[in-house]
């Protein structure tokens, strides 16, 4: 079985994080784990924590970002995961297709050396925060 982990850096995404979490929870293949590295000063971490308490479909880990910028966030995320086959990244202001995880696993099976997948902007639809 292919272990799929998603990492998301967040910064003040309270207007889009709920939709992002729902999209992940409604994938045709559910990821094994979601790690969110947060540097927000809004309600983003509370929203993530509330969602994590209500779902048992996959493990959600919320960590407070140390350092600045997306690179620091991804480094922290990678330090908080192990034993994964595929690491996927998405942004909270994009909507990924319902079969994004499933498609990434198929791609990994065809090309096993591919183990990091980023949501491609050509397949994303930007979410309207309003």
N, C-alpha and C. Protein backbone atom coordinates (compact mmCIF):
# COMPACT_ATOMS: atom_id res chain seq x y z
N UNK A 1 0.84 -1.19 0.00
CA UNK A 1 0.00 0.00 0.00
C UNK A 1 0.89 1.25 0.00
N UNK A 2 0.57 2.19 -0.85
CA UNK A 2 1.33 3.42 -0.98
C UNK A 2 0.93 4.40 0.12
N UNK A 3 1.92 4.89 0.86
CA UNK A 3 1.64 5.86 1.92
C UNK A 3 1.81 7.27 1.35
N UNK A 4 0.73 8.04 1.44
CA UNK A 4 0.67 9.38 0.87
C UNK A 4 0.52 10.40 1.99
N UNK A 5 1.43 11.37 2.03
CA UNK A 5 1.40 12.43 3.03
C UNK A 5 1.30 13.77 2.31
N UNK A 6 0.42 14.63 2.81
CA UNK A 6 0.28 15.98 2.26
C UNK A 6 0.83 16.98 3.27
N UNK A 7 1.61 17.94 2.76
CA UNK A 7 2.12 19.02 3.59
C UNK A 7 1.59 20.35 3.09
N UNK A 8 1.15 21.18 4.03
CA UNK A 8 0.61 22.50 3.67
C UNK A 8 1.19 23.55 4.61
N UNK A 9 1.93 24.51 4.05
CA UNK A 9 2.31 25.67 4.87
C UNK A 9 1.15 26.66 4.87
N UNK A 10 0.85 27.24 6.02
CA UNK A 10 -0.25 28.20 6.08
C UNK A 10 0.19 29.48 6.76
N UNK A 11 -0.39 30.56 6.29
CA UNK A 11 -0.19 31.87 6.91
C UNK A 11 -1.45 32.69 6.68
N UNK A 12 -2.20 32.86 7.76
CA UNK A 12 -3.44 33.65 7.72
C UNK A 12 -4.38 33.21 6.60
N UNK A 13 -4.72 31.94 6.61
CA UNK A 13 -5.60 31.36 5.60
C UNK A 13 -6.97 30.98 6.14
N UNK A 14 -7.45 31.71 7.13
CA UNK A 14 -8.73 31.34 7.73
C UNK A 14 -9.88 31.38 6.72
N UNK A 15 -9.76 32.16 5.66
CA UNK A 15 -10.84 32.25 4.68
C UNK A 15 -10.86 31.07 3.71
N UNK A 16 -9.76 30.31 3.62
CA UNK A 16 -9.70 29.21 2.64
C UNK A 16 -9.38 27.84 3.24
N UNK A 17 -8.92 27.78 4.47
CA UNK A 17 -8.45 26.50 5.02
C UNK A 17 -9.58 25.48 5.17
N UNK A 18 -10.78 25.90 5.52
CA UNK A 18 -11.90 24.94 5.65
C UNK A 18 -12.15 24.21 4.33
N UNK A 19 -12.22 24.99 3.24
CA UNK A 19 -12.45 24.39 1.93
C UNK A 19 -11.31 23.43 1.57
N UNK A 20 -10.09 23.82 1.86
CA UNK A 20 -8.93 22.97 1.57
C UNK A 20 -9.04 21.65 2.34
N UNK A 21 -9.38 21.72 3.60
CA UNK A 21 -9.51 20.50 4.41
C UNK A 21 -10.65 19.62 3.90
N UNK A 22 -11.76 20.21 3.52
CA UNK A 22 -12.88 19.43 2.97
C UNK A 22 -12.49 18.75 1.66
N UNK A 23 -11.76 19.49 0.82
CA UNK A 23 -11.32 18.92 -0.46
C UNK A 23 -10.42 17.71 -0.23
N UNK A 24 -9.53 17.81 0.73
CA UNK A 24 -8.65 16.68 1.05
C UNK A 24 -9.46 15.52 1.61
N UNK A 25 -10.40 15.80 2.48
CA UNK A 25 -11.23 14.74 3.09
C UNK A 25 -12.13 14.06 2.07
N UNK A 26 -12.43 14.73 0.96
CA UNK A 26 -13.33 14.18 -0.05
C UNK A 26 -12.60 13.62 -1.27
N UNK A 27 -11.30 13.40 -1.16
CA UNK A 27 -10.55 12.80 -2.26
C UNK A 27 -11.07 11.38 -2.54
N UNK A 28 -10.94 10.92 -3.77
CA UNK A 28 -11.35 9.55 -4.10
C UNK A 28 -10.47 8.53 -3.38
N UNK A 29 -9.23 8.89 -3.09
CA UNK A 29 -8.35 8.11 -2.23
C UNK A 29 -7.87 9.07 -1.14
N UNK A 30 -8.12 8.71 0.10
CA UNK A 30 -7.80 9.57 1.23
C UNK A 30 -6.31 9.46 1.55
N UNK A 31 -5.63 10.59 1.78
CA UNK A 31 -4.22 10.51 2.15
C UNK A 31 -4.07 9.89 3.54
N UNK A 32 -2.88 9.41 3.84
CA UNK A 32 -2.64 8.82 5.15
C UNK A 32 -2.44 9.87 6.23
N UNK A 33 -1.85 10.99 5.84
CA UNK A 33 -1.52 12.00 6.84
C UNK A 33 -1.49 13.37 6.19
N UNK A 34 -1.86 14.37 6.98
CA UNK A 34 -1.77 15.76 6.58
C UNK A 34 -0.97 16.49 7.65
N UNK A 35 0.08 17.18 7.23
CA UNK A 35 0.87 17.98 8.16
C UNK A 35 0.77 19.43 7.73
N UNK A 36 0.30 20.26 8.66
CA UNK A 36 0.16 21.69 8.40
C UNK A 36 1.14 22.42 9.28
N UNK A 37 1.97 23.24 8.65
CA UNK A 37 2.92 24.08 9.37
C UNK A 37 2.39 25.51 9.30
N UNK A 38 2.03 26.06 10.44
CA UNK A 38 1.29 27.31 10.48
C UNK A 38 2.09 28.45 11.11
N UNK A 39 2.02 29.61 10.47
CA UNK A 39 2.66 30.82 10.99
C UNK A 39 1.63 31.95 11.13
N UNK A 40 0.38 31.58 11.29
CA UNK A 40 -0.71 32.55 11.27
C UNK A 40 -0.87 33.31 12.58
N UNK A 41 -1.47 34.50 12.44
CA UNK A 41 -1.94 35.22 13.63
C UNK A 41 -3.45 35.46 13.53
N UNK A 42 -4.10 34.65 12.68
CA UNK A 42 -5.56 34.68 12.60
C UNK A 42 -6.10 33.36 13.17
N UNK A 43 -7.27 32.94 12.75
CA UNK A 43 -7.91 31.73 13.30
C UNK A 43 -7.58 30.45 12.55
N UNK A 44 -6.62 30.48 11.64
CA UNK A 44 -6.26 29.28 10.87
C UNK A 44 -5.97 28.08 11.77
N UNK A 45 -5.11 28.20 12.80
CA UNK A 45 -4.82 27.00 13.61
C UNK A 45 -6.04 26.46 14.35
N UNK A 46 -6.92 27.34 14.80
CA UNK A 46 -8.13 26.89 15.49
C UNK A 46 -9.04 26.12 14.55
N UNK A 47 -9.16 26.60 13.31
CA UNK A 47 -9.99 25.92 12.31
C UNK A 47 -9.42 24.54 12.01
N UNK A 48 -8.11 24.45 11.85
CA UNK A 48 -7.47 23.15 11.59
C UNK A 48 -7.69 22.21 12.76
N UNK A 49 -7.49 22.69 13.97
CA UNK A 49 -7.66 21.85 15.16
C UNK A 49 -9.09 21.35 15.28
N UNK A 50 -10.05 22.22 15.04
CA UNK A 50 -11.46 21.83 15.08
C UNK A 50 -11.76 20.74 14.05
N UNK A 51 -11.24 20.90 12.84
CA UNK A 51 -11.44 19.90 11.79
C UNK A 51 -10.78 18.58 12.19
N UNK A 52 -9.58 18.65 12.73
CA UNK A 52 -8.85 17.44 13.14
C UNK A 52 -9.61 16.67 14.21
N UNK A 53 -10.28 17.36 15.10
CA UNK A 53 -11.05 16.70 16.16
C UNK A 53 -12.30 16.02 15.62
N UNK A 54 -12.80 16.47 14.47
CA UNK A 54 -14.03 15.92 13.90
C UNK A 54 -13.79 14.83 12.86
N UNK A 55 -12.57 14.65 12.41
CA UNK A 55 -12.33 13.65 11.37
C UNK A 55 -11.46 12.52 11.89
N UNK A 56 -11.76 11.32 11.43
CA UNK A 56 -10.89 10.19 11.74
C UNK A 56 -10.46 9.49 10.45
N UNK A 57 -10.71 10.16 9.32
CA UNK A 57 -10.36 9.59 8.01
C UNK A 57 -8.85 9.53 7.79
N UNK A 58 -8.14 10.52 8.32
CA UNK A 58 -6.69 10.58 8.18
C UNK A 58 -6.13 11.38 9.34
N UNK A 59 -4.85 11.18 9.59
CA UNK A 59 -4.16 11.85 10.68
C UNK A 59 -3.81 13.28 10.28
N UNK A 60 -4.09 14.23 11.17
CA UNK A 60 -3.74 15.63 10.93
C UNK A 60 -2.81 16.08 12.03
N UNK A 61 -1.65 16.60 11.62
CA UNK A 61 -0.69 17.15 12.56
C UNK A 61 -0.54 18.64 12.27
N UNK A 62 -0.71 19.46 13.30
CA UNK A 62 -0.56 20.90 13.18
C UNK A 62 0.67 21.31 13.96
N UNK A 63 1.60 21.96 13.28
CA UNK A 63 2.81 22.43 13.97
C UNK A 63 2.95 23.94 13.78
N UNK A 64 3.50 24.58 14.79
CA UNK A 64 3.74 26.02 14.74
C UNK A 64 5.05 26.25 14.01
N UNK A 65 5.02 27.11 13.00
CA UNK A 65 6.21 27.36 12.20
C UNK A 65 7.26 28.11 12.99
N UNK A 66 8.48 27.62 12.88
CA UNK A 66 9.65 28.32 13.40
C UNK A 66 10.41 28.83 12.20
N UNK A 67 10.82 30.08 12.22
CA UNK A 67 11.50 30.64 11.07
C UNK A 67 10.52 31.35 10.16
N UNK A 68 11.06 31.82 9.06
CA UNK A 68 10.26 32.60 8.12
C UNK A 68 10.22 31.92 6.77
N UNK A 69 9.11 32.08 6.10
CA UNK A 69 9.03 31.66 4.71
C UNK A 69 8.60 30.23 4.48
N UNK A 70 8.26 29.97 3.24
CA UNK A 70 7.74 28.68 2.83
C UNK A 70 8.80 27.58 2.94
N UNK A 71 10.05 27.89 2.62
CA UNK A 71 11.12 26.88 2.70
C UNK A 71 11.27 26.36 4.12
N UNK A 72 11.24 27.26 5.10
CA UNK A 72 11.32 26.83 6.50
C UNK A 72 10.11 25.96 6.87
N UNK A 73 8.94 26.34 6.37
CA UNK A 73 7.73 25.56 6.66
C UNK A 73 7.84 24.15 6.09
N UNK A 74 8.28 24.03 4.84
CA UNK A 74 8.42 22.69 4.25
C UNK A 74 9.49 21.87 4.96
N UNK A 75 10.57 22.50 5.37
CA UNK A 75 11.59 21.76 6.13
C UNK A 75 11.02 21.23 7.43
N UNK A 76 10.21 22.03 8.12
CA UNK A 76 9.58 21.55 9.35
C UNK A 76 8.60 20.42 9.07
N UNK A 77 7.84 20.56 8.02
CA UNK A 77 6.89 19.50 7.66
C UNK A 77 7.64 18.20 7.41
N UNK A 78 8.70 18.26 6.62
CA UNK A 78 9.47 17.05 6.30
C UNK A 78 10.10 16.42 7.54
N UNK A 79 10.45 17.24 8.53
CA UNK A 79 10.99 16.69 9.78
C UNK A 79 9.92 15.99 10.61
N UNK A 80 8.65 16.25 10.31
CA UNK A 80 7.56 15.67 11.07
C UNK A 80 6.86 14.51 10.38
N UNK A 81 7.45 14.00 9.32
CA UNK A 81 6.89 12.83 8.66
C UNK A 81 7.99 11.79 8.44
N UNK A 82 7.57 10.55 8.37
CA UNK A 82 8.50 9.47 8.06
C UNK A 82 7.74 8.34 7.38
N UNK A 83 8.47 7.47 6.78
CA UNK A 83 7.89 6.29 6.13
C UNK A 83 6.77 6.62 5.14
N UNK A 84 7.03 7.53 4.25
CA UNK A 84 6.04 7.86 3.23
C UNK A 84 6.60 7.48 1.86
N UNK A 85 5.70 7.17 0.95
CA UNK A 85 6.08 6.89 -0.43
C UNK A 85 5.97 8.14 -1.30
N UNK A 86 4.94 8.95 -1.02
CA UNK A 86 4.70 10.16 -1.80
C UNK A 86 4.43 11.31 -0.83
N UNK A 87 5.07 12.42 -1.10
CA UNK A 87 4.83 13.65 -0.36
C UNK A 87 4.19 14.64 -1.32
N UNK A 88 2.97 15.06 -1.01
CA UNK A 88 2.26 16.00 -1.86
C UNK A 88 2.13 17.35 -1.19
N UNK A 89 2.22 18.39 -1.98
CA UNK A 89 2.06 19.74 -1.45
C UNK A 89 0.95 20.46 -2.18
N UNK A 90 0.18 21.22 -1.41
CA UNK A 90 -0.86 22.05 -2.02
C UNK A 90 -0.88 23.40 -1.31
N UNK A 91 -1.51 24.35 -1.94
CA UNK A 91 -1.70 25.67 -1.34
C UNK A 91 -3.15 25.81 -0.96
N UNK A 92 -3.41 26.56 0.10
CA UNK A 92 -4.78 26.66 0.59
C UNK A 92 -5.68 27.52 -0.29
N UNK A 93 -5.12 28.26 -1.21
CA UNK A 93 -5.97 29.10 -2.07
C UNK A 93 -6.28 28.43 -3.41
N UNK A 94 -5.96 27.14 -3.54
CA UNK A 94 -6.29 26.40 -4.75
C UNK A 94 -7.16 25.19 -4.43
N UNK A 95 -8.01 24.86 -5.37
CA UNK A 95 -8.84 23.66 -5.26
C UNK A 95 -8.22 22.60 -6.15
N UNK A 96 -7.87 21.46 -5.55
CA UNK A 96 -7.32 20.35 -6.33
C UNK A 96 -8.47 19.46 -6.81
N UNK A 97 -8.28 18.73 -7.89
CA UNK A 97 -9.32 17.81 -8.36
C UNK A 97 -9.60 16.72 -7.31
N UNK A 98 -10.80 16.18 -7.33
CA UNK A 98 -11.20 15.15 -6.35
C UNK A 98 -10.34 13.89 -6.43
N UNK A 99 -9.67 13.68 -7.54
CA UNK A 99 -8.86 12.47 -7.71
C UNK A 99 -7.36 12.78 -7.68
N UNK A 100 -6.97 13.91 -7.10
CA UNK A 100 -5.57 14.33 -7.10
C UNK A 100 -4.67 13.31 -6.42
N UNK A 101 -5.05 12.83 -5.24
CA UNK A 101 -4.25 11.83 -4.53
C UNK A 101 -4.18 10.54 -5.35
N UNK A 102 -5.32 10.09 -5.83
CA UNK A 102 -5.37 8.86 -6.63
C UNK A 102 -4.48 8.97 -7.87
N UNK A 103 -4.54 10.11 -8.56
CA UNK A 103 -3.70 10.32 -9.75
C UNK A 103 -2.22 10.33 -9.40
N UNK A 104 -1.87 10.94 -8.28
CA UNK A 104 -0.47 10.97 -7.85
C UNK A 104 0.05 9.57 -7.54
N UNK A 105 -0.79 8.75 -6.92
CA UNK A 105 -0.39 7.37 -6.61
C UNK A 105 -0.20 6.58 -7.90
N UNK A 106 -1.09 6.76 -8.88
CA UNK A 106 -0.93 6.09 -10.18
C UNK A 106 0.38 6.53 -10.85
N UNK A 107 0.66 7.81 -10.80
CA UNK A 107 1.90 8.34 -11.38
C UNK A 107 3.12 7.73 -10.69
N UNK A 108 3.06 7.64 -9.37
CA UNK A 108 4.17 7.06 -8.59
C UNK A 108 4.37 5.58 -8.94
N UNK A 109 3.30 4.86 -9.15
CA UNK A 109 3.43 3.44 -9.52
C UNK A 109 4.07 3.28 -10.89
N UNK A 110 3.75 4.20 -11.80
CA UNK A 110 4.33 4.15 -13.14
C UNK A 110 5.78 4.63 -13.13
N UNK A 111 6.07 5.63 -12.31
CA UNK A 111 7.41 6.21 -12.20
C UNK A 111 7.81 6.24 -10.72
N UNK A 112 8.29 5.13 -10.17
CA UNK A 112 8.55 5.03 -8.73
C UNK A 112 9.57 6.02 -8.19
N UNK A 113 10.39 6.61 -9.05
CA UNK A 113 11.35 7.59 -8.56
C UNK A 113 10.70 8.94 -8.24
N UNK A 114 9.48 9.12 -8.69
CA UNK A 114 8.75 10.36 -8.37
C UNK A 114 8.10 10.17 -7.01
N UNK A 115 8.55 10.98 -6.04
CA UNK A 115 7.96 10.83 -4.71
C UNK A 115 7.54 12.16 -4.10
N UNK A 116 7.69 13.25 -4.84
CA UNK A 116 7.18 14.54 -4.39
C UNK A 116 6.29 15.10 -5.49
N UNK A 117 5.06 15.42 -5.12
CA UNK A 117 4.07 15.90 -6.07
C UNK A 117 3.57 17.26 -5.58
N UNK A 118 3.60 18.24 -6.47
CA UNK A 118 3.06 19.55 -6.14
C UNK A 118 1.80 19.75 -6.95
N UNK A 119 0.80 20.35 -6.32
CA UNK A 119 -0.41 20.62 -7.08
C UNK A 119 -0.08 21.61 -8.19
N UNK A 120 -0.39 21.24 -9.39
CA UNK A 120 -0.05 22.05 -10.56
C UNK A 120 -1.10 23.12 -10.76
N UNK A 121 -0.66 24.32 -11.01
CA UNK A 121 -1.62 25.42 -11.19
C UNK A 121 -2.51 25.20 -12.41
N UNK A 122 -2.07 24.39 -13.38
CA UNK A 122 -2.92 24.16 -14.55
C UNK A 122 -4.12 23.29 -14.21
N UNK A 123 -4.05 22.53 -13.10
CA UNK A 123 -5.17 21.70 -12.69
C UNK A 123 -5.95 22.31 -11.54
N UNK A 124 -5.52 23.43 -11.05
CA UNK A 124 -6.15 24.05 -9.89
C UNK A 124 -7.13 25.13 -10.32
N UNK A 125 -8.09 25.34 -9.46
CA UNK A 125 -9.03 26.43 -9.62
C UNK A 125 -8.87 27.28 -8.37
N UNK A 126 -8.55 28.54 -8.52
CA UNK A 126 -8.36 29.38 -7.34
C UNK A 126 -9.67 29.53 -6.60
N UNK A 127 -9.60 29.35 -5.28
CA UNK A 127 -10.80 29.49 -4.45
C UNK A 127 -11.07 30.97 -4.20
N UNK A 128 -12.33 31.31 -4.24
CA UNK A 128 -12.74 32.68 -3.92
C UNK A 128 -12.95 32.77 -2.42
N UNK A 129 -12.17 33.62 -1.72
CA UNK A 129 -12.29 33.66 -0.27
C UNK A 129 -13.60 34.26 0.23
N UNK A 130 -14.37 34.84 -0.66
CA UNK A 130 -15.64 35.46 -0.21
C UNK A 130 -16.74 34.48 -0.23
